[in-house]
């Protein structure tokens, strides 16, 4: 059910993000690092990671309205975190305006925007895709 994204999934994922009022800026640039939930050819959920050296940005965790509450968001988030860890990431950050209560179960804590590495602050997410009022959260990997 969970698989790596394919180029032909991009339009479906962007449509999910748009319906959820989440930004699509930069998704196409990092789509090779996305995972999707595919049910009989229909994309029900997606999540991605932008890796910048030993730091990463968890982004675009989205679940279709009809599949919310089914655990797909948690499964995808865990899968993306595993991928980031396998690729040597030591700290993962995210921006959220709506899901601050969702991410602590994965070890994320609030963080100051100024504490985010410059490589991530220069990403499209930080440069305007997400509002400056978005909550910043950070998770450190076991090294």
Protein backbone atom coordinates (compact mmCIF):
# COMPACT_ATOMS: atom_id res chain seq x y z
CA UNK A 1 0.00 0.00 0.00
CA UNK A 2 2.81 2.48 0.84
CA UNK A 3 5.30 2.88 -1.97
CA UNK A 4 7.84 5.34 -3.30
CA UNK A 5 6.31 8.03 -5.47
CA UNK A 6 6.49 7.83 -9.25
CA UNK A 7 6.55 10.81 -11.61
CA UNK A 8 2.99 10.10 -12.75
CA UNK A 9 1.78 10.50 -9.12
CA UNK A 10 2.72 14.18 -8.98
CA UNK A 11 -0.60 15.58 -10.24
CA UNK A 12 -2.59 13.45 -7.78
CA UNK A 13 -0.40 14.47 -4.85
CA UNK A 14 -0.57 18.15 -5.78
CA UNK A 15 -4.37 17.87 -6.02
CA UNK A 16 -4.51 16.31 -2.53
CA UNK A 17 -2.31 19.09 -1.15
CA UNK A 18 -4.40 21.78 -2.84
CA UNK A 19 -7.65 20.33 -1.44
CA UNK A 20 -6.06 20.30 2.03
CA UNK A 21 -4.89 23.92 1.57
CA UNK A 22 -1.23 22.88 1.87
CA UNK A 23 1.52 24.39 -0.25
CA UNK A 24 2.73 22.72 -3.42
CA UNK A 25 5.75 24.99 -3.96
CA UNK A 26 8.84 22.84 -4.30
CA UNK A 27 6.99 19.51 -4.28
CA UNK A 28 8.04 18.80 -7.86
CA UNK A 29 11.70 19.47 -7.02
CA UNK A 30 11.74 16.87 -4.22
CA UNK A 31 9.14 14.42 -5.47
CA UNK A 32 11.67 11.60 -5.78
CA UNK A 33 11.79 11.60 -1.96
CA UNK A 34 8.03 11.24 -1.49
CA UNK A 35 6.01 8.21 -0.48
CA UNK A 36 2.36 7.61 -1.31
CA UNK A 37 -0.48 5.36 -0.26
CA UNK A 38 -1.83 3.82 -3.44
CA UNK A 39 -5.13 1.99 -3.26
CA UNK A 40 -6.01 0.41 -6.58
CA UNK A 41 -4.35 3.20 -8.53
CA UNK A 42 -5.79 6.02 -6.41
CA UNK A 43 -3.44 8.10 -4.27
CA UNK A 44 -5.02 8.44 -0.79
CA UNK A 45 -2.09 9.98 1.09
CA UNK A 46 1.42 11.32 0.62
CA UNK A 47 4.42 12.61 2.54
CA UNK A 48 7.86 13.76 1.53
CA UNK A 49 11.26 14.69 2.83
CA UNK A 50 13.80 17.21 1.61
CA UNK A 51 17.29 16.12 2.61
CA UNK A 52 19.99 18.75 3.02
CA UNK A 53 23.14 17.04 4.27
CA UNK A 54 22.54 15.73 7.79
CA UNK A 55 19.33 17.75 8.16
CA UNK A 56 15.94 17.25 6.54
CA UNK A 57 12.55 18.85 6.16
CA UNK A 58 9.46 16.66 6.56
CA UNK A 59 6.85 18.11 4.27
CA UNK A 60 3.49 17.66 2.64
CA UNK A 61 1.98 15.04 4.94
CA UNK A 62 -1.53 14.82 3.52
CA UNK A 63 -4.41 12.36 3.66
CA UNK A 64 -7.54 12.45 1.49
CA UNK A 65 -10.63 13.58 3.40
CA UNK A 66 -12.33 10.20 3.09
CA UNK A 67 -9.29 8.40 4.54
CA UNK A 68 -8.61 10.68 7.52
CA UNK A 69 -8.55 8.96 10.87
CA UNK A 70 -7.48 5.66 9.30
CA UNK A 71 -3.85 5.86 10.44
CA UNK A 72 -2.43 6.52 6.97
CA UNK A 73 -0.84 9.80 8.04
CA UNK A 74 0.97 8.06 10.89
CA UNK A 75 2.13 5.19 8.68
CA UNK A 76 3.47 7.56 6.04
CA UNK A 77 5.17 9.82 8.57
CA UNK A 78 6.91 6.81 10.11
CA UNK A 79 7.99 5.58 6.66
CA UNK A 80 9.46 8.97 5.74
CA UNK A 81 11.29 9.19 9.08
CA UNK A 82 12.76 5.73 8.51
CA UNK A 83 13.95 6.78 5.05
CA UNK A 84 15.55 9.94 6.43
CA UNK A 85 17.34 7.95 9.12
CA UNK A 86 18.59 5.42 6.57
CA UNK A 87 20.01 8.32 4.56
CA UNK A 88 22.03 9.62 7.51
CA UNK A 89 19.78 12.46 8.65
CA UNK A 90 20.46 13.59 12.22
CA UNK A 91 17.74 16.23 12.64
CA UNK A 92 14.38 16.56 10.91
CA UNK A 93 12.36 19.77 10.90
CA UNK A 94 8.86 20.62 9.79
CA UNK A 95 6.53 23.57 9.47
CA UNK A 96 2.86 23.28 10.33
CA UNK A 97 -0.11 25.56 10.70
CA UNK A 98 -2.67 22.87 11.49
CA UNK A 99 -1.04 19.70 12.88
CA UNK A 100 1.12 20.74 15.81
CA UNK A 101 -0.60 18.15 18.02
CA UNK A 102 -0.01 15.31 15.53
CA UNK A 103 3.79 15.30 15.38
CA UNK A 104 4.94 14.96 19.04
CA UNK A 105 4.08 11.23 18.93
CA UNK A 106 7.00 10.91 16.48
CA UNK A 107 9.44 12.75 18.75
CA UNK A 108 8.97 16.25 17.33
CA UNK A 109 9.18 19.27 19.64
CA UNK A 110 8.61 22.95 19.02
CA UNK A 111 11.70 24.79 17.88
CA UNK A 112 12.64 28.38 17.12
CA UNK A 113 12.84 29.37 13.47
CA UNK A 114 16.28 30.85 14.13
CA UNK A 115 17.54 27.42 15.25
CA UNK A 116 16.82 25.85 11.85
CA UNK A 117 19.97 25.29 9.75
CA UNK A 118 20.50 27.79 6.93
CA UNK A 119 20.26 25.02 4.30
CA UNK A 120 16.66 24.37 5.35
CA UNK A 121 15.74 28.02 5.83
CA UNK A 122 16.61 28.55 2.16
CA UNK A 123 14.06 25.90 1.07
CA UNK A 124 10.86 26.97 -0.67
CA UNK A 125 8.86 25.87 2.38
CA UNK A 126 10.71 28.36 4.59
CA UNK A 127 10.97 31.03 1.91
CA UNK A 128 7.27 31.58 1.59
CA UNK A 129 5.34 28.40 0.83
CA UNK A 130 4.44 28.23 4.53
CA UNK A 131 3.56 31.43 6.37
CA UNK A 132 6.02 32.98 8.82
CA UNK A 133 3.50 32.18 11.57
CA UNK A 134 3.82 28.41 11.00
CA UNK A 135 5.03 26.38 13.96
CA UNK A 136 8.54 24.97 13.56
CA UNK A 137 9.18 21.53 15.01
CA UNK A 138 12.35 19.45 15.27
CA UNK A 139 13.19 15.80 15.86
CA UNK A 140 16.71 14.56 16.52
CA UNK A 141 17.70 11.11 15.35
CA UNK A 142 19.75 8.76 17.49
CA UNK A 143 23.31 8.96 16.17
